[in-house]
């Protein structure tokens, strides 16, 4: 097949969508498919070969960053034009995220297209510049009184945009059962498929974990309000009081990074430009990974910690229910930073319970997120869509499995 991957997030930017794009490209190429990437850029335009990847970059002279909505609209238009111009060179397109990448793809005609619902467009657009977020359950509930008229109308508009994308895509891949239940009402063809996860430890030495006392804690995620990076750092600092000398390292980038550097730069290690393979090397040395995020659709960093036997400490989110279970393959904290929460983590090490948790975490990834199985599912789906009828062609979408 000739496959186009459409993404806003690509190198040199970092993050989960970039990791998904790289894994998709690598494994589809290994199976003999022709694969190209389409993405926006702030500086250059044209087709380039980068680390063996054929990349089609588009830019706009008035765009200086990715954060403001006007810039995104300008890039959306240019990305749509690039895809439309090359549509006959591809059998099918896939996008690993849910923002202007899939929207630009949805505005094309005569294309066959698959979207991975890797983030809720409504929630992220609503909260990207807020210090105090509107919680995800409240966004989903969509009630006028708690939201206020302005936010209520904005959510209605953004939800409408998402529903349009669900209908325009030939198929929507969701990453958790909560999203599957909700989105099936609005999309014609939906399937639940795991994220692509490189499910081998970064280092052979991870088999020696757990250590008797944790020596390193890691925090991984975008520096945006809903990821609660500062809260994760505070949990790590509380743990440091019980484990003197505990190293704390944060890996990420985003609009809240200046505030994080100002507040914590002299107390923890902060790493802004490491690629995923480098972060995995750090996870191979990590004893605890802390993720106090209040919103996720899946979270690749969670599974990467599990593979590398770094004790995963999270909040109990509904989107985690299909693969994370407290005291079985992770620890959940109802009240992060409270004495009982810190004692819960310490008890896992003191009693030796942590070994069983790490064993179960690795087993969960091996059973539920097998990389070969996931690639098989995506390849089969792309082949089915490639030989069906594209949405917007005047024919009905290919029926679901």
Protein backbone atom coordinates (compact mmCIF):
# COMPACT_ATOMS: atom_id res chain seq x y z
CA UNK A 1 0.00 0.00 0.00
CA UNK A 2 0.92 3.66 -0.39
CA UNK A 3 0.27 5.23 3.02
CA UNK A 4 0.39 8.88 4.09
CA UNK A 5 0.76 9.74 7.79
CA UNK A 6 -0.67 13.20 8.59
CA UNK A 7 0.49 14.74 11.84
CA UNK A 8 1.04 18.11 13.46
CA UNK A 9 3.58 16.68 15.91
CA UNK A 10 6.77 15.52 14.24
CA UNK A 11 10.51 15.87 14.68
CA UNK A 12 12.15 17.99 15.95
CA UNK A 13 9.09 18.27 18.20
CA UNK A 14 8.70 15.48 20.75
CA UNK A 15 5.80 13.67 22.37
CA UNK A 16 3.46 10.70 22.15
CA UNK A 17 2.17 11.53 18.66
CA UNK A 18 5.75 11.74 17.38
CA UNK A 19 6.52 8.34 18.90
CA UNK A 20 3.39 6.88 17.27
CA UNK A 21 4.34 8.33 13.88
CA UNK A 22 7.88 6.94 14.06
CA UNK A 23 6.68 3.47 15.08
CA UNK A 24 3.95 3.47 12.42
CA UNK A 25 6.45 4.47 9.75
CA UNK A 26 9.08 1.94 10.80
CA UNK A 27 6.81 -1.08 11.03
CA UNK A 28 4.73 -0.35 7.94
CA UNK A 29 7.92 0.18 5.94
CA UNK A 30 9.31 -3.10 7.25
CA UNK A 31 6.23 -4.80 5.81
CA UNK A 32 6.94 -3.42 2.36
CA UNK A 33 4.58 -0.44 2.25
CA UNK A 34 5.49 2.98 0.84
CA UNK A 35 5.04 5.49 3.69
CA UNK A 36 5.38 9.29 3.74
CA UNK A 37 4.77 11.83 6.50
CA UNK A 38 2.89 15.13 6.06
CA UNK A 39 3.41 17.77 8.74
CA UNK A 40 3.57 21.55 9.29
CA UNK A 41 6.86 23.33 9.93
CA UNK A 42 7.83 26.78 11.18
CA UNK A 43 10.83 27.28 8.88
CA UNK A 44 10.95 25.09 5.79
CA UNK A 45 8.66 23.69 3.11
CA UNK A 46 9.10 20.86 0.65
CA UNK A 47 9.89 17.16 0.58
CA UNK A 48 12.88 15.94 2.59
CA UNK A 49 14.44 12.61 3.50
CA UNK A 50 15.16 12.69 7.23
CA UNK A 51 16.68 9.65 8.94
CA UNK A 52 15.27 7.47 6.17
CA UNK A 53 11.78 9.00 6.43
CA UNK A 54 10.22 10.82 3.46
CA UNK A 55 8.71 13.97 5.04
CA UNK A 56 6.47 16.54 3.31
CA UNK A 57 6.67 19.78 5.29
CA UNK A 58 4.44 22.83 4.85
CA UNK A 59 4.80 26.28 6.38
CA UNK A 60 3.23 29.73 6.26
CA UNK A 61 5.10 33.05 6.30
CA UNK A 62 2.82 34.50 8.99
CA UNK A 63 3.19 31.58 11.42
CA UNK A 64 5.79 31.76 14.20
CA UNK A 65 4.48 29.08 16.54
CA UNK A 66 1.98 26.27 17.00
CA UNK A 67 0.15 27.52 20.09
CA UNK A 68 -2.28 30.23 18.91
CA UNK A 69 -5.48 29.28 17.08
CA UNK A 70 -4.99 31.65 14.11
CA UNK A 71 -1.61 30.08 13.32
CA UNK A 72 -3.18 26.64 13.48
CA UNK A 73 -5.84 27.65 10.97
CA UNK A 74 -3.22 28.95 8.55
CA UNK A 75 -1.23 25.73 8.86
CA UNK A 76 -4.42 23.68 8.51
CA UNK A 77 -5.11 25.29 5.13
CA UNK A 78 -1.58 24.64 3.88
CA UNK A 79 -1.59 21.05 5.13
CA UNK A 80 -4.94 20.40 3.45
CA UNK A 81 -3.60 21.77 0.14
CA UNK A 82 -0.52 19.53 0.32
CA UNK A 83 -2.61 16.41 0.97
CA UNK A 84 -5.17 17.28 -1.71
CA UNK A 85 -2.42 17.87 -4.25
CA UNK A 86 -0.87 14.44 -3.61
CA UNK A 87 -4.01 12.43 -2.85
CA UNK A 88 -3.80 10.28 -5.98
CA UNK A 89 -0.33 9.08 -4.92
CA UNK A 90 -1.73 7.34 -1.84
CA UNK A 91 -4.14 4.48 -1.18
CA UNK A 92 -4.95 5.59 2.36
CA UNK A 93 -4.02 8.22 4.96
CA UNK A 94 -3.77 7.80 8.74
CA UNK A 95 -3.36 10.43 11.45
CA UNK A 96 -2.12 9.55 14.98
CA UNK A 97 -3.72 12.54 16.76
CA UNK A 98 -6.92 14.59 16.84
CA UNK A 99 -6.26 18.26 16.08
CA UNK A 100 -5.62 20.25 12.89
CA UNK A 101 -3.87 17.24 11.35
CA UNK A 102 -7.01 15.11 11.02
CA UNK A 103 -9.13 18.21 10.43
CA UNK A 104 -7.03 19.15 7.41
CA UNK A 105 -7.36 15.55 6.23
CA UNK A 106 -11.14 15.59 6.77
CA UNK A 107 -11.45 18.67 4.56
CA UNK A 108 -9.92 16.86 1.57
CA UNK A 109 -11.99 15.04 -1.03
CA UNK A 110 -11.32 11.74 -2.71
CA UNK A 111 -9.11 10.44 0.11
CA UNK A 112 -9.47 7.34 2.26
CA UNK A 113 -8.64 8.24 5.83
CA UNK A 114 -8.26 6.74 9.29
CA UNK A 115 -7.94 8.78 12.48
CA UNK A 116 -6.53 7.68 15.84
CA UNK A 117 -8.41 9.42 18.65
CA UNK A 118 -5.31 10.22 20.66
CA UNK A 119 -6.67 13.34 22.37
CA UNK A 120 -9.99 15.12 22.87
CA UNK A 121 -9.93 18.21 20.64
CA UNK A 122 -12.59 19.97 22.73
CA UNK A 123 -10.85 19.50 26.09
CA UNK A 124 -7.37 20.42 24.89
CA UNK A 125 -8.44 23.48 22.87
CA UNK A 126 -10.52 24.71 25.81
CA UNK A 127 -7.72 24.29 28.35
CA UNK A 128 -4.45 24.81 26.47
CA UNK A 129 -3.99 28.38 27.82
CA UNK A 130 -5.71 27.96 31.19
CA UNK A 131 -3.90 27.69 34.47
CA UNK A 132 -7.05 26.34 36.14
CA UNK A 133 -8.50 23.72 33.82
CA UNK A 134 -12.13 22.85 33.26
CA UNK A 135 -12.09 19.16 34.32
CA UNK A 136 -12.65 16.55 31.63
CA UNK A 137 -15.80 15.05 33.27
CA UNK A 138 -17.30 18.54 33.34
CA UNK A 139 -16.46 19.06 29.66
CA UNK A 140 -18.11 15.73 28.80
CA UNK A 141 -21.16 16.49 30.97
CA UNK A 142 -21.64 19.82 29.13
CA UNK A 143 -24.04 21.55 31.52
CA UNK A 144 -24.68 25.31 31.23
CA UNK A 145 -24.72 26.26 34.91
CA UNK A 146 -21.26 25.02 36.00
CA UNK A 147 -19.61 26.00 32.70
CA UNK A 148 -21.09 29.43 32.11
CA UNK A 149 -22.50 30.55 28.78
CA UNK A 150 -19.18 31.28 27.03
CA UNK A 151 -17.61 27.91 27.81
CA UNK A 152 -20.88 26.09 27.15
CA UNK A 153 -21.11 27.56 23.64
CA UNK A 154 -17.40 26.99 22.93
CA UNK A 155 -17.68 23.32 23.93
CA UNK A 156 -20.76 22.93 21.71
CA UNK A 157 -18.82 24.40 18.78
CA UNK A 158 -15.75 22.23 19.36
CA UNK A 159 -17.85 19.10 19.88
CA UNK A 160 -19.58 19.83 16.60
CA UNK A 161 -16.19 20.04 14.93
CA UNK A 162 -15.23 16.67 16.38
CA UNK A 163 -18.50 15.08 15.27
CA UNK A 164 -17.86 16.40 11.76
CA UNK A 165 -14.42 14.75 11.82
CA UNK A 166 -15.89 11.46 13.07
CA UNK A 167 -18.27 11.42 10.11
CA UNK A 168 -15.67 12.44 7.54
CA UNK A 169 -13.15 9.80 8.59
CA UNK A 170 -13.64 6.34 7.10
CA UNK A 171 -12.63 4.83 10.41
CA UNK A 172 -11.85 6.05 13.94
CA UNK A 173 -9.41 4.12 16.15
CA UNK A 174 -9.94 4.67 19.88
CA UNK A 175 -7.48 3.79 22.64
CA UNK A 176 -9.75 3.07 25.61
CA UNK A 177 -13.20 1.65 26.29
CA UNK A 178 -14.59 4.90 27.69
CA UNK A 179 -13.91 6.70 24.40
CA UNK A 180 -15.18 3.72 22.40
CA UNK A 181 -18.55 3.77 24.19
CA UNK A 182 -18.91 7.53 23.73
CA UNK A 183 -17.69 7.89 20.15
CA UNK A 184 -19.64 5.01 18.64
CA UNK A 185 -22.72 7.26 18.81
CA UNK A 186 -21.11 9.74 16.42
CA UNK A 187 -18.85 7.72 14.09
CA UNK A 188 -19.84 5.19 11.44
CA UNK A 189 -16.86 2.86 11.90
CA UNK A 190 -14.93 2.52 15.19
CA UNK A 191 -12.46 0.03 16.63
CA UNK A 192 -10.50 -0.23 19.86
CA UNK A 193 -6.81 -0.80 19.13
CA UNK A 194 -3.88 -0.27 21.50
CA UNK A 195 -1.28 2.41 21.03
CA UNK A 196 1.90 1.26 19.34
CA UNK A 197 4.25 0.47 22.21
CA UNK A 198 7.87 -0.64 21.86
CA UNK A 199 7.39 -3.46 24.36
CA UNK A 200 10.99 -4.46 25.04
CA UNK A 201 12.94 -2.94 27.96
CA UNK A 202 15.54 -0.33 27.04
CA UNK A 203 18.21 -2.15 29.06
CA UNK A 204 18.71 -5.75 30.12
CA UNK A 205 19.52 -4.45 33.62
CA UNK A 206 15.84 -3.62 34.26
CA UNK A 207 15.33 -7.30 35.09
CA UNK A 208 17.26 -6.63 38.32
CA UNK A 209 14.59 -4.24 39.57
CA UNK A 210 13.24 -3.50 42.07
CA UNK A 211 16.05 -2.10 44.14
CA UNK A 212 15.60 -2.24 47.89
CA UNK A 213 15.32 1.55 48.02
CA UNK A 214 14.36 3.73 45.07
CA UNK A 215 17.22 5.84 43.73
CA UNK A 216 15.52 7.65 40.84
CA UNK A 217 12.05 9.05 40.14
CA UNK A 218 10.98 10.14 36.65
CA UNK A 219 8.18 12.39 35.39
CA UNK A 220 7.32 12.44 31.67
CA UNK A 221 4.77 14.61 29.86
CA UNK A 222 3.96 17.84 28.09
CA UNK A 223 4.22 20.97 30.20
CA UNK A 224 0.52 21.84 29.93
CA UNK A 225 -2.00 22.56 32.67
CA UNK A 226 -3.89 19.24 32.66
CA UNK A 227 -0.72 17.13 32.91
CA UNK A 228 -0.15 18.54 36.42
CA UNK A 229 3.63 18.32 36.09
CA UNK A 230 4.17 20.49 39.18
CA UNK A 231 1.95 18.18 41.22
CA UNK A 232 3.97 15.16 40.03
CA UNK A 233 7.20 16.94 41.01
CA UNK A 234 5.80 17.74 44.46
CA UNK A 235 4.94 14.05 45.00
CA UNK A 236 8.52 13.16 44.03
CA UNK A 237 9.92 15.80 46.42
CA UNK A 238 7.76 14.38 49.22
CA UNK A 239 9.18 10.94 48.48
CA UNK A 240 12.69 12.37 48.56
CA UNK A 241 12.20 13.20 52.24
CA UNK A 242 11.83 9.49 52.96
CA UNK A 243 14.54 8.48 50.49
CA UNK A 244 17.39 10.97 50.88
CA UNK A 245 19.43 11.26 47.70
CA UNK A 246 16.53 10.28 45.45
CA UNK A 247 17.22 11.69 41.98
CA UNK A 248 14.24 13.39 40.32
CA UNK A 249 14.14 13.94 36.55
CA UNK A 250 11.47 15.58 34.42
CA UNK A 251 11.24 15.07 30.63
CA UNK A 252 9.00 17.31 28.56
CA UNK A 253 8.33 20.60 26.81
CA UNK A 254 5.41 22.99 26.51
CA UNK A 255 3.98 26.36 27.52
CA UNK A 256 4.38 25.80 31.27
CA UNK A 257 8.07 24.93 31.02
CA UNK A 258 9.36 28.42 32.02
CA UNK A 259 7.35 28.30 35.25
CA UNK A 260 8.54 24.75 35.99
CA UNK A 261 12.17 25.70 35.39
CA UNK A 262 11.84 28.78 37.58
CA UNK A 263 10.27 26.88 40.47
CA UNK A 264 12.15 23.57 40.34
CA UNK A 265 15.23 24.07 38.14
CA UNK A 266 17.66 24.01 41.07
CA UNK A 267 16.05 20.97 42.73
CA UNK A 268 15.52 18.43 39.93
CA UNK A 269 16.94 17.48 36.55
CA UNK A 270 14.94 18.95 33.64
CA UNK A 271 15.37 17.52 30.13
CA UNK A 272 13.66 19.31 27.22
CA UNK A 273 15.08 17.93 23.98
CA UNK A 274 15.56 14.19 24.42
CA UNK A 275 14.15 11.78 21.88
CA UNK A 276 12.01 8.86 22.95
CA UNK A 277 14.89 6.36 22.72
CA UNK A 278 16.92 8.51 25.12
CA UNK A 279 14.03 8.82 27.57
CA UNK A 280 13.65 5.04 27.52
CA UNK A 281 17.29 4.73 28.58
CA UNK A 282 16.50 6.90 31.60
CA UNK A 283 13.42 4.80 32.36
CA UNK A 284 15.70 1.77 32.40
CA UNK A 285 17.39 3.35 35.44
CA UNK A 286 14.20 4.71 37.03
CA UNK A 287 12.58 3.14 40.09
CA UNK A 288 9.37 5.21 40.19
CA UNK A 289 7.46 7.05 37.45
CA UNK A 290 4.93 9.61 38.68
CA UNK A 291 2.05 10.82 36.49
CA UNK A 292 -0.52 13.04 38.22
CA UNK A 293 -2.22 14.00 34.94
CA UNK A 294 -5.95 14.69 35.18
CA UNK A 295 -6.67 13.76 31.57
CA UNK A 296 -5.35 11.09 29.20
CA UNK A 297 -6.72 8.92 26.42
CA UNK A 298 -4.03 6.28 26.91
CA UNK A 299 -0.60 7.68 27.91
CA UNK A 300 2.34 5.98 26.25
CA UNK A 301 4.65 7.10 29.08
CA UNK A 302 2.66 4.89 31.47
CA UNK A 303 3.25 1.77 29.41
CA UNK A 304 6.91 2.65 28.82
CA UNK A 305 7.39 2.85 32.59
CA UNK A 306 5.66 -0.51 33.00
CA UNK A 307 7.87 -2.17 30.38
CA UNK A 308 11.00 -0.81 32.04
CA UNK A 309 9.97 -1.88 35.56
CA UNK A 310 9.60 1.63 36.95
CA UNK A 311 6.79 1.62 39.53
CA UNK A 312 3.92 3.58 37.96
CA UNK A 313 2.13 6.02 40.29
CA UNK A 314 -0.98 7.67 38.81
CA UNK A 315 -4.34 9.22 39.58
CA UNK A 316 -7.35 6.89 39.13
CA UNK A 317 -8.70 8.04 35.73
CA UNK A 318 -11.63 6.35 33.99
CA UNK A 319 -9.56 6.12 30.79
CA UNK A 320 -7.06 3.85 32.57
CA UNK A 321 -9.56 1.24 33.74
CA UNK A 322 -8.97 -1.22 30.93
CA UNK A 323 -5.27 -1.68 31.74
CA UNK A 324 -4.31 -0.15 35.12
CA UNK A 325 -5.39 -1.61 38.47
CA UNK A 326 -4.29 -0.30 41.85
CA UNK A 327 -1.93 -2.57 43.81
CA UNK A 328 -1.86 -4.99 40.88
CA UNK A 329 0.24 -3.28 38.18
CA UNK A 330 0.46 0.29 39.50
CA UNK A 331 -0.33 2.48 42.50
CA UNK A 332 -3.13 5.04 42.33
CA UNK A 333 -3.20 8.10 44.57
CA UNK A 334 -6.59 9.57 45.45
CA UNK A 335 -5.01 12.48 47.33
CA UNK A 336 -1.52 13.12 45.93
CA UNK A 337 0.87 14.65 48.42
CA UNK A 338 -1.08 13.50 51.48
CA UNK A 339 0.84 11.53 54.14
CA UNK A 340 -1.17 8.38 53.37
CA UNK A 341 -0.33 8.61 49.66
CA UNK A 342 3.39 8.88 50.33
CA UNK A 343 3.14 6.05 52.88
CA UNK A 344 1.42 3.91 50.22
CA UNK A 345 4.40 4.20 47.88
CA UNK A 346 6.89 3.61 50.69
CA UNK A 347 4.99 0.52 51.88
CA UNK A 348 5.23 -1.06 48.42
CA UNK A 349 9.03 -0.98 48.69
CA UNK A 350 9.24 -1.77 52.41
CA UNK A 351 7.07 -4.89 52.15
CA UNK A 352 8.54 -6.11 48.86
CA UNK A 353 5.11 -5.81 47.22
CA UNK A 354 6.69 -3.68 44.50
CA UNK A 355 8.21 -6.74 42.77
CA UNK A 356 4.80 -8.33 42.17
CA UNK A 357 3.49 -4.99 40.86
CA UNK A 358 6.39 -4.64 38.42
CA UNK A 359 5.99 -8.23 37.25
CA UNK A 360 2.26 -7.69 36.64
CA UNK A 361 2.92 -4.40 34.84
CA UNK A 362 5.27 -6.05 32.35
CA UNK A 363 2.80 -8.90 31.86
CA UNK A 364 -0.05 -6.42 31.18
CA UNK A 365 1.91 -4.75 28.38
CA UNK A 366 2.95 -8.11 26.91
CA UNK A 367 -0.64 -9.41 26.87
CA UNK A 368 -2.65 -6.30 25.99
CA UNK A 369 -0.23 -4.22 23.91
CA UNK A 370 1.73 -6.68 21.84
CA UNK A 371 3.44 -4.58 19.16
CA UNK A 372 3.21 -7.18 16.40
CA UNK A 373 -0.50 -7.70 17.05
CA UNK A 374 -1.17 -3.95 17.04
CA UNK A 375 0.69 -3.46 13.75
CA UNK A 376 -1.25 -6.39 12.26
CA UNK A 377 -4.54 -4.79 13.30
CA UNK A 378 -3.63 -1.38 11.87
CA UNK A 379 -2.24 -2.85 8.65
CA UNK A 380 -5.38 -4.95 8.13
CA UNK A 381 -7.60 -1.94 8.81
CA UNK A 382 -5.66 0.29 6.40
CA UNK A 383 -5.88 -2.37 3.72
CA UNK A 384 -9.65 -2.66 4.19
CA UNK A 385 -10.16 1.11 4.03
CA UNK A 386 -7.77 1.47 1.07
CA UNK A 387 -9.95 -0.88 -0.97
CA UNK A 388 -13.27 0.62 0.15
CA UNK A 389 -15.04 3.84 -0.74
CA UNK A 390 -13.74 7.15 0.66
CA UNK A 391 -16.08 9.29 2.73
CA UNK A 392 -17.29 12.22 0.65
CA UNK A 393 -17.12 10.24 -2.59
CA UNK A 394 -20.86 9.86 -2.77
CA UNK A 395 -20.71 6.25 -1.58
CA UNK A 396 -21.20 4.91 1.91
CA UNK A 397 -18.25 4.33 4.23
CA UNK A 398 -16.86 0.81 4.51
CA UNK A 399 -18.81 -1.01 7.26
CA UNK A 400 -17.07 -1.86 10.50
CA UNK A 401 -15.77 -5.30 11.37
